């Protein structure tokens, strides 16, 4: 069982959670991970929020809040929102966590009268594309040769959109 919650505001807990998210970033985005400082700076902006997935199946002696297994960093501006980052700890992948996080995000965005949600995904990330299509996202644009890494092939970016209205 996993709990999806908005980022805690307690200063110590906040710092620990952001560090854990940064650690997951290095595992799931090794060529482009956002570090703790970058995440902290982004979260200082009023329009940016972070959803956290916690593992509640661990033993009761450990607070469930200490076991961050996934996250979604998103920006909400008036009637539009955008997923900036989403990730799941590799040990917890393929357990539906990203789907649960996106479901919670949809719920929050609808409560805030958001009309659409955008995200960008590498065209070669078939697992993510399948997840987003299950979540009723549609490809609305392709950015040719967007992802460029030294000694790696260039990859297109797909811009996908979920509409609430």
N, C-alpha and C. Protein backbone atom coordinates (compact mmCIF):
# COMPACT_ATOMS: atom_id res chain seq x y z
N UNK A 1 0.85 -1.19 0.00
CA UNK A 1 0.00 0.00 0.00
C UNK A 1 0.88 1.24 0.00
N UNK A 2 0.50 2.20 -0.82
CA UNK A 2 1.28 3.42 -0.93
C UNK A 2 0.40 4.62 -0.64
N UNK A 3 0.96 5.61 0.03
CA UNK A 3 0.25 6.86 0.32
C UNK A 3 0.84 7.94 -0.58
N UNK A 4 -0.03 8.76 -1.16
CA UNK A 4 0.40 9.87 -1.99
C UNK A 4 0.01 11.15 -1.27
N UNK A 5 0.99 11.99 -0.98
CA UNK A 5 0.73 13.21 -0.22
C UNK A 5 1.50 14.37 -0.81
N UNK A 6 1.02 15.56 -0.52
CA UNK A 6 1.74 16.77 -0.90
C UNK A 6 2.96 16.87 0.01
N UNK A 7 4.02 17.46 -0.50
CA UNK A 7 5.28 17.60 0.24
C UNK A 7 5.03 18.16 1.64
N UNK A 8 5.63 17.55 2.66
CA UNK A 8 5.46 18.04 4.04
C UNK A 8 6.11 19.42 4.21
N UNK A 9 5.64 20.16 5.21
CA UNK A 9 6.18 21.50 5.43
C UNK A 9 7.16 21.56 6.59
N UNK A 10 7.20 20.55 7.43
CA UNK A 10 8.17 20.50 8.52
C UNK A 10 9.58 20.61 7.94
N UNK A 11 10.38 21.55 8.41
CA UNK A 11 11.68 21.86 7.80
C UNK A 11 12.62 20.65 7.71
N UNK A 12 12.76 19.89 8.79
CA UNK A 12 13.66 18.74 8.79
C UNK A 12 13.13 17.66 7.84
N UNK A 13 11.85 17.38 7.96
CA UNK A 13 11.25 16.37 7.10
C UNK A 13 11.32 16.79 5.64
N UNK A 14 11.08 18.06 5.39
CA UNK A 14 11.14 18.60 4.03
C UNK A 14 12.52 18.36 3.42
N UNK A 15 13.57 18.69 4.15
CA UNK A 15 14.94 18.51 3.67
C UNK A 15 15.23 17.04 3.37
N UNK A 16 14.80 16.15 4.26
CA UNK A 16 15.02 14.71 4.06
C UNK A 16 14.28 14.19 2.83
N UNK A 17 13.06 14.63 2.65
CA UNK A 17 12.26 14.19 1.51
C UNK A 17 12.89 14.68 0.21
N UNK A 18 13.28 15.95 0.17
CA UNK A 18 13.89 16.49 -1.05
C UNK A 18 15.20 15.76 -1.36
N UNK A 19 15.98 15.43 -0.35
CA UNK A 19 17.22 14.68 -0.59
C UNK A 19 16.91 13.29 -1.14
N UNK A 20 15.89 12.65 -0.62
CA UNK A 20 15.51 11.33 -1.12
C UNK A 20 15.04 11.42 -2.56
N UNK A 21 14.26 12.44 -2.89
CA UNK A 21 13.82 12.65 -4.27
C UNK A 21 15.04 12.85 -5.18
N UNK A 22 16.00 13.64 -4.72
CA UNK A 22 17.22 13.86 -5.50
C UNK A 22 17.97 12.54 -5.70
N UNK A 23 18.00 11.70 -4.69
CA UNK A 23 18.65 10.39 -4.81
C UNK A 23 17.95 9.51 -5.84
N UNK A 24 16.62 9.53 -5.84
CA UNK A 24 15.86 8.76 -6.82
C UNK A 24 16.12 9.33 -8.22
N UNK A 25 16.18 10.65 -8.31
CA UNK A 25 16.48 11.30 -9.59
C UNK A 25 17.78 10.75 -10.20
N UNK A 26 18.81 10.58 -9.37
CA UNK A 26 20.09 10.10 -9.91
C UNK A 26 19.98 8.67 -10.44
N UNK A 27 19.03 7.91 -9.90
CA UNK A 27 18.83 6.54 -10.38
C UNK A 27 17.99 6.49 -11.65
N UNK A 28 16.96 7.33 -11.73
CA UNK A 28 16.04 7.24 -12.86
C UNK A 28 16.36 8.22 -13.99
N UNK A 29 17.16 9.24 -13.70
CA UNK A 29 17.56 10.23 -14.71
C UNK A 29 19.08 10.41 -14.64
N UNK A 30 19.87 9.36 -14.82
CA UNK A 30 21.31 9.45 -14.58
C UNK A 30 22.04 10.50 -15.43
N UNK A 31 21.52 10.79 -16.62
CA UNK A 31 22.18 11.77 -17.48
C UNK A 31 21.70 13.19 -17.24
N UNK A 32 20.64 13.36 -16.46
CA UNK A 32 20.04 14.68 -16.31
C UNK A 32 19.34 14.84 -14.95
N UNK A 33 19.92 14.31 -13.90
CA UNK A 33 19.27 14.35 -12.58
C UNK A 33 19.28 15.77 -12.01
N UNK A 34 18.19 16.11 -11.34
CA UNK A 34 18.12 17.38 -10.63
C UNK A 34 18.54 17.11 -9.19
N UNK A 35 19.49 17.91 -8.68
CA UNK A 35 20.01 17.69 -7.33
C UNK A 35 19.13 18.38 -6.28
N UNK A 36 19.49 18.17 -5.01
CA UNK A 36 18.69 18.71 -3.91
C UNK A 36 18.58 20.23 -4.00
N UNK A 37 19.67 20.90 -4.32
CA UNK A 37 19.65 22.37 -4.40
C UNK A 37 18.69 22.84 -5.50
N UNK A 38 18.76 22.21 -6.67
CA UNK A 38 17.87 22.61 -7.77
C UNK A 38 16.41 22.39 -7.39
N UNK A 39 16.12 21.25 -6.78
CA UNK A 39 14.75 20.95 -6.36
C UNK A 39 14.27 21.95 -5.31
N UNK A 40 15.11 22.25 -4.35
CA UNK A 40 14.76 23.21 -3.29
C UNK A 40 14.46 24.58 -3.88
N UNK A 41 15.31 25.01 -4.81
CA UNK A 41 15.10 26.32 -5.45
C UNK A 41 13.80 26.35 -6.24
N UNK A 42 13.51 25.28 -6.95
CA UNK A 42 12.25 25.22 -7.70
C UNK A 42 11.05 25.29 -6.76
N UNK A 43 11.13 24.59 -5.65
CA UNK A 43 10.01 24.54 -4.72
C UNK A 43 9.78 25.86 -3.99
N UNK A 44 10.71 26.78 -4.10
CA UNK A 44 10.52 28.11 -3.53
C UNK A 44 9.54 28.94 -4.36
N UNK A 45 9.29 28.51 -5.59
CA UNK A 45 8.34 29.19 -6.45
C UNK A 45 6.92 28.79 -6.06
N UNK A 46 6.02 29.75 -6.01
CA UNK A 46 4.64 29.49 -5.59
C UNK A 46 3.90 28.53 -6.51
N UNK A 47 4.26 28.48 -7.77
CA UNK A 47 3.51 27.66 -8.73
C UNK A 47 3.97 26.21 -8.78
N UNK A 48 5.06 25.87 -8.10
CA UNK A 48 5.61 24.53 -8.19
C UNK A 48 5.33 23.74 -6.92
N UNK A 49 4.86 22.50 -7.11
CA UNK A 49 4.52 21.61 -6.00
C UNK A 49 5.16 20.25 -6.21
N UNK A 50 5.21 19.47 -5.14
CA UNK A 50 5.79 18.14 -5.19
C UNK A 50 4.84 17.16 -4.50
N UNK A 51 4.43 16.13 -5.24
CA UNK A 51 3.68 15.02 -4.65
C UNK A 51 4.66 13.92 -4.32
N UNK A 52 4.46 13.29 -3.18
CA UNK A 52 5.36 12.24 -2.71
C UNK A 52 4.58 10.94 -2.51
N UNK A 53 5.16 9.83 -2.96
CA UNK A 53 4.59 8.51 -2.70
C UNK A 53 5.42 7.85 -1.61
N UNK A 54 4.74 7.40 -0.56
CA UNK A 54 5.39 6.73 0.58
C UNK A 54 4.98 5.27 0.61
N UNK A 55 5.89 4.41 1.01
CA UNK A 55 5.58 2.99 1.19
C UNK A 55 5.03 2.80 2.59
N UNK A 56 3.80 2.34 2.69
CA UNK A 56 3.17 2.10 3.99
C UNK A 56 3.27 0.64 4.41
N UNK A 57 3.84 -0.20 3.57
CA UNK A 57 3.90 -1.63 3.87
C UNK A 57 5.07 -2.00 4.77
N UNK A 58 5.92 -1.03 5.08
CA UNK A 58 7.08 -1.31 5.94
C UNK A 58 6.63 -1.49 7.38
N UNK A 59 7.52 -2.02 8.19
CA UNK A 59 7.17 -2.29 9.59
C UNK A 59 6.80 -1.00 10.32
N UNK A 60 5.98 -1.14 11.33
CA UNK A 60 5.45 0.02 12.04
C UNK A 60 6.51 0.80 12.79
N UNK A 61 7.64 0.20 13.09
CA UNK A 61 8.68 0.92 13.84
C UNK A 61 9.32 2.03 13.01
N UNK A 62 9.11 2.00 11.69
CA UNK A 62 9.66 3.03 10.81
C UNK A 62 8.51 3.88 10.31
N UNK A 63 8.62 5.18 10.45
CA UNK A 63 7.57 6.06 9.96
C UNK A 63 7.44 5.90 8.45
N UNK A 64 6.19 5.81 7.95
CA UNK A 64 6.00 5.64 6.51
C UNK A 64 6.55 6.84 5.74
N UNK A 65 6.60 7.98 6.38
CA UNK A 65 7.10 9.17 5.72
C UNK A 65 8.61 9.08 5.42
N UNK A 66 9.30 8.17 6.07
CA UNK A 66 10.74 8.05 5.83
C UNK A 66 11.04 7.22 4.58
N UNK A 67 10.03 6.55 4.03
CA UNK A 67 10.26 5.65 2.92
C UNK A 67 9.62 6.22 1.66
N UNK A 68 10.28 7.21 1.07
CA UNK A 68 9.81 7.82 -0.16
C UNK A 68 10.13 6.87 -1.31
N UNK A 69 9.11 6.53 -2.10
CA UNK A 69 9.32 5.59 -3.21
C UNK A 69 9.05 6.21 -4.57
N UNK A 70 8.44 7.39 -4.59
CA UNK A 70 8.16 8.05 -5.85
C UNK A 70 7.78 9.50 -5.65
N UNK A 71 7.70 10.22 -6.75
CA UNK A 71 7.41 11.65 -6.66
C UNK A 71 6.92 12.18 -8.00
N UNK A 72 6.29 13.34 -7.95
CA UNK A 72 5.92 14.09 -9.14
C UNK A 72 6.08 15.57 -8.81
N UNK A 73 6.97 16.21 -9.53
CA UNK A 73 7.18 17.65 -9.42
C UNK A 73 6.37 18.29 -10.54
N UNK A 74 5.48 19.20 -10.19
CA UNK A 74 4.63 19.80 -11.20
C UNK A 74 4.46 21.28 -10.97
N UNK A 75 4.07 21.97 -12.04
CA UNK A 75 3.83 23.40 -11.98
C UNK A 75 2.39 23.67 -12.39
N UNK A 76 1.75 24.54 -11.64
CA UNK A 76 0.37 24.90 -11.91
C UNK A 76 0.31 26.41 -12.14
N UNK A 77 -0.12 26.80 -13.33
CA UNK A 77 -0.23 28.21 -13.67
C UNK A 77 -1.62 28.45 -14.24
N UNK A 78 -2.45 29.09 -13.46
CA UNK A 78 -3.83 29.36 -13.84
C UNK A 78 -4.54 28.07 -14.23
N UNK A 79 -5.00 27.98 -15.49
CA UNK A 79 -5.78 26.81 -15.89
C UNK A 79 -4.95 25.70 -16.53
N UNK A 80 -3.63 25.84 -16.49
CA UNK A 80 -2.77 24.81 -17.08
C UNK A 80 -1.73 24.35 -16.08
N UNK A 81 -1.38 23.06 -16.18
CA UNK A 81 -0.34 22.49 -15.32
C UNK A 81 0.63 21.71 -16.19
N UNK A 82 1.82 21.48 -15.66
CA UNK A 82 2.83 20.71 -16.38
C UNK A 82 3.60 19.82 -15.41
N UNK A 83 3.77 18.57 -15.78
CA UNK A 83 4.63 17.67 -15.02
C UNK A 83 6.06 18.02 -15.39
N UNK A 84 6.84 18.42 -14.39
CA UNK A 84 8.24 18.74 -14.64
C UNK A 84 9.13 17.51 -14.49
N UNK A 85 8.82 16.69 -13.49
CA UNK A 85 9.55 15.44 -13.25
C UNK A 85 8.61 14.45 -12.60
N UNK A 86 8.81 13.20 -12.92
CA UNK A 86 8.09 12.13 -12.23
C UNK A 86 9.04 10.94 -12.18
N UNK A 87 9.06 10.27 -11.04
CA UNK A 87 9.97 9.14 -10.92
C UNK A 87 9.57 8.20 -9.80
N UNK A 88 10.00 6.96 -9.95
CA UNK A 88 9.77 5.93 -8.94
C UNK A 88 11.09 5.25 -8.65
N UNK A 89 11.39 5.03 -7.39
CA UNK A 89 12.59 4.30 -7.00
C UNK A 89 12.60 2.98 -7.77
N UNK A 90 13.72 2.64 -8.42
CA UNK A 90 13.78 1.41 -9.22
C UNK A 90 13.35 0.14 -8.47
N UNK A 91 13.57 0.09 -7.15
CA UNK A 91 13.15 -1.08 -6.37
C UNK A 91 11.63 -1.20 -6.29
N UNK A 92 10.92 -0.13 -6.59
CA UNK A 92 9.46 -0.10 -6.47
C UNK A 92 8.75 0.04 -7.81
N UNK A 93 9.49 0.03 -8.90
CA UNK A 93 8.87 0.19 -10.21
C UNK A 93 8.01 -1.01 -10.56
N UNK A 94 7.05 -0.78 -11.45
CA UNK A 94 6.11 -1.80 -11.93
C UNK A 94 5.13 -2.25 -10.84
N UNK A 95 4.85 -1.34 -9.90
CA UNK A 95 3.89 -1.64 -8.83
C UNK A 95 2.71 -0.66 -8.86
N UNK A 96 2.63 0.13 -9.91
CA UNK A 96 1.51 1.07 -10.06
C UNK A 96 1.68 2.38 -9.33
N UNK A 97 2.88 2.66 -8.82
CA UNK A 97 3.08 3.89 -8.05
C UNK A 97 2.90 5.13 -8.92
N UNK A 98 3.51 5.14 -10.10
CA UNK A 98 3.38 6.31 -10.97
C UNK A 98 1.92 6.55 -11.35
N UNK A 99 1.18 5.48 -11.58
CA UNK A 99 -0.25 5.63 -11.88
C UNK A 99 -1.00 6.25 -10.70
N UNK A 100 -0.68 5.79 -9.49
CA UNK A 100 -1.32 6.34 -8.29
C UNK A 100 -0.97 7.81 -8.11
N UNK A 101 0.29 8.15 -8.36
CA UNK A 101 0.72 9.55 -8.24
C UNK A 101 -0.01 10.41 -9.26
N UNK A 102 -0.09 9.93 -10.50
CA UNK A 102 -0.80 10.70 -11.53
C UNK A 102 -2.29 10.82 -11.21
N UNK A 103 -2.89 9.77 -10.67
CA UNK A 103 -4.31 9.85 -10.28
C UNK A 103 -4.52 10.91 -9.21
N UNK A 104 -3.63 10.96 -8.23
CA UNK A 104 -3.72 11.99 -7.19
C UNK A 104 -3.53 13.38 -7.78
N UNK A 105 -2.57 13.49 -8.70
CA UNK A 105 -2.34 14.77 -9.37
C UNK A 105 -3.58 15.21 -10.14
N UNK A 106 -4.19 14.30 -10.89
CA UNK A 106 -5.42 14.64 -11.62
C UNK A 106 -6.48 15.17 -10.65
N UNK A 107 -6.63 14.49 -9.53
CA UNK A 107 -7.62 14.89 -8.51
C UNK A 107 -7.34 16.31 -8.02
N UNK A 108 -6.10 16.59 -7.67
CA UNK A 108 -5.73 17.92 -7.17
C UNK A 108 -5.92 18.99 -8.22
N UNK A 109 -5.56 18.69 -9.45
CA UNK A 109 -5.68 19.68 -10.52
C UNK A 109 -7.13 20.00 -10.82
N UNK A 110 -7.98 18.99 -10.80
CA UNK A 110 -9.40 19.22 -11.04
C UNK A 110 -10.01 20.08 -9.93
N UNK A 111 -9.58 19.86 -8.69
CA UNK A 111 -10.06 20.69 -7.58
C UNK A 111 -9.66 22.15 -7.76
N UNK A 112 -8.57 22.38 -8.48
CA UNK A 112 -8.07 23.73 -8.73
C UNK A 112 -8.50 24.27 -10.10
N UNK A 113 -9.50 23.66 -10.69
CA UNK A 113 -10.06 24.08 -11.98
C UNK A 113 -9.02 24.14 -13.11
N UNK A 114 -8.03 23.27 -13.06
CA UNK A 114 -7.06 23.19 -14.14
C UNK A 114 -7.72 22.52 -15.34
N UNK A 115 -7.49 23.06 -16.52
CA UNK A 115 -8.12 22.54 -17.74
C UNK A 115 -7.29 21.48 -18.44
N UNK A 116 -5.95 21.59 -18.34
CA UNK A 116 -5.11 20.62 -19.04
C UNK A 116 -3.77 20.45 -18.33
N UNK A 117 -3.19 19.28 -18.57
CA UNK A 117 -1.89 18.92 -17.99
C UNK A 117 -0.96 18.50 -19.12
N UNK A 118 0.20 19.11 -19.17
CA UNK A 118 1.20 18.79 -20.19
C UNK A 118 2.37 18.05 -19.56
N UNK A 119 3.06 17.28 -20.38
CA UNK A 119 4.32 16.69 -19.97
C UNK A 119 5.14 16.41 -21.22
N UNK A 120 6.41 16.17 -21.00
CA UNK A 120 7.32 15.86 -22.09
C UNK A 120 8.01 14.55 -21.77
N UNK A 121 8.18 13.70 -22.77
CA UNK A 121 8.77 12.38 -22.55
C UNK A 121 9.68 12.06 -23.72
N UNK A 122 10.76 11.34 -23.43
CA UNK A 122 11.64 10.88 -24.49
C UNK A 122 10.88 9.91 -25.39
N UNK A 123 11.04 10.05 -26.69
CA UNK A 123 10.32 9.21 -27.65
C UNK A 123 10.72 7.75 -27.53
N UNK A 124 11.88 7.47 -26.92
CA UNK A 124 12.32 6.07 -26.76
C UNK A 124 11.93 5.48 -25.40
N UNK A 125 11.19 6.21 -24.59
CA UNK A 125 10.76 5.73 -23.28
C UNK A 125 9.37 5.09 -23.42
N UNK A 126 9.36 3.89 -23.97
CA UNK A 126 8.09 3.23 -24.28
C UNK A 126 7.25 2.93 -23.04
N UNK A 127 7.89 2.59 -21.93
CA UNK A 127 7.13 2.30 -20.70
C UNK A 127 6.40 3.55 -20.23
N UNK A 128 7.08 4.69 -20.23
CA UNK A 128 6.44 5.94 -19.79
C UNK A 128 5.33 6.34 -20.75
N UNK A 129 5.57 6.21 -22.04
CA UNK A 129 4.55 6.57 -23.03
C UNK A 129 3.30 5.70 -22.83
N UNK A 130 3.49 4.42 -22.60
CA UNK A 130 2.35 3.52 -22.35
C UNK A 130 1.58 3.96 -21.11
N UNK A 131 2.29 4.30 -20.05
CA UNK A 131 1.65 4.78 -18.82
C UNK A 131 0.83 6.03 -19.11
N UNK A 132 1.42 6.99 -19.81
CA UNK A 132 0.73 8.25 -20.08
C UNK A 132 -0.49 8.03 -20.98
N UNK A 133 -0.37 7.12 -21.93
CA UNK A 133 -1.54 6.83 -22.78
C UNK A 133 -2.65 6.18 -21.97
N UNK A 134 -2.29 5.31 -20.99
CA UNK A 134 -3.30 4.73 -20.09
C UNK A 134 -3.98 5.82 -19.27
N UNK A 135 -3.25 6.90 -19.01
CA UNK A 135 -3.78 8.01 -18.22
C UNK A 135 -4.49 9.05 -19.09
N UNK A 136 -4.78 8.69 -20.34
CA UNK A 136 -5.52 9.53 -21.29
C UNK A 136 -4.74 10.76 -21.76
N UNK A 137 -3.43 10.65 -21.81
CA UNK A 137 -2.61 11.69 -22.43
C UNK A 137 -2.54 11.40 -23.92
N UNK A 138 -2.48 12.44 -24.72
CA UNK A 138 -2.33 12.31 -26.16
C UNK A 138 -1.10 13.09 -26.61
N UNK A 139 -0.41 12.58 -27.61
CA UNK A 139 0.75 13.28 -28.17
C UNK A 139 0.22 14.46 -28.98
N UNK A 140 0.73 15.65 -28.66
CA UNK A 140 0.29 16.85 -29.38
C UNK A 140 1.42 17.48 -30.18
N UNK A 141 2.66 17.07 -29.90
CA UNK A 141 3.79 17.68 -30.61
C UNK A 141 5.02 16.79 -30.48
N UNK A 142 5.90 16.87 -31.46
CA UNK A 142 7.17 16.15 -31.41
C UNK A 142 8.29 17.18 -31.60
N UNK A 143 9.23 17.19 -30.66
CA UNK A 143 10.40 18.06 -30.77
C UNK A 143 11.54 17.22 -31.31
N UNK A 144 11.87 17.43 -32.57
CA UNK A 144 12.90 16.64 -33.24
C UNK A 144 14.27 16.87 -32.60
N UNK A 145 14.97 15.78 -32.31
CA UNK A 145 16.34 15.85 -31.82
C UNK A 145 16.52 16.64 -30.54
N UNK A 146 15.53 16.61 -29.67
CA UNK A 146 15.53 17.44 -28.45
C UNK A 146 16.55 16.99 -27.41
N UNK A 147 16.63 15.68 -27.20
CA UNK A 147 17.55 15.16 -26.19
C UNK A 147 18.89 14.84 -26.85
N UNK A 148 19.92 15.57 -26.42
CA UNK A 148 21.26 15.38 -26.98
C UNK A 148 22.24 15.14 -25.85
N UNK A 149 22.84 13.98 -25.85
CA UNK A 149 23.84 13.61 -24.84
C UNK A 149 25.11 13.21 -25.58
N UNK A 150 26.27 13.56 -25.03
CA UNK A 150 27.52 13.15 -25.67
C UNK A 150 27.60 11.63 -25.84
N UNK A 151 28.03 11.20 -26.99
CA UNK A 151 28.26 9.78 -27.30
C UNK A 151 26.99 8.94 -27.26
N UNK A 152 25.84 9.58 -27.42
CA UNK A 152 24.57 8.85 -27.46
C UNK A 152 23.75 9.38 -28.63
N UNK A 153 22.87 8.54 -29.17
CA UNK A 153 22.03 9.01 -30.28
C UNK A 153 21.07 10.10 -29.81
N UNK A 154 20.77 11.02 -30.71
CA UNK A 154 19.81 12.08 -30.44
C UNK A 154 18.41 11.46 -30.41
N UNK A 155 17.58 11.94 -29.47
CA UNK A 155 16.23 11.38 -29.29
C UNK A 155 15.22 12.53 -29.34
N UNK A 156 14.10 12.27 -30.01
CA UNK A 156 13.02 13.25 -30.04
C UNK A 156 12.32 13.32 -28.69
N UNK A 157 11.66 14.44 -28.45
CA UNK A 157 10.80 14.60 -27.27
C UNK A 157 9.36 14.63 -27.74
N UNK A 158 8.50 13.94 -27.02
CA UNK A 158 7.07 13.98 -27.30
C UNK A 158 6.40 14.84 -26.25
N UNK A 159 5.60 15.79 -26.68
CA UNK A 159 4.81 16.60 -25.77
C UNK A 159 3.43 15.96 -25.73
N UNK A 160 2.98 15.65 -24.52
CA UNK A 160 1.69 14.98 -24.35
C UNK A 160 0.78 15.84 -23.48
N UNK A 161 -0.50 15.68 -23.71
CA UNK A 161 -1.49 16.52 -23.03
C UNK A 161 -2.66 15.68 -22.54
N UNK A 162 -3.09 15.98 -21.32
CA UNK A 162 -4.31 15.40 -20.72
C UNK A 162 -5.28 16.56 -20.53
N UNK A 163 -6.49 16.42 -21.03
CA UNK A 163 -7.48 17.48 -20.93
C UNK A 163 -8.56 17.09 -19.92
N UNK A 164 -8.91 18.03 -19.05
CA UNK A 164 -9.92 17.77 -18.02
C UNK A 164 -11.31 18.24 -18.40
N UNK A 165 -11.40 19.08 -19.39
CA UNK A 165 -12.72 19.64 -19.76
C UNK A 165 -13.31 18.86 -20.91
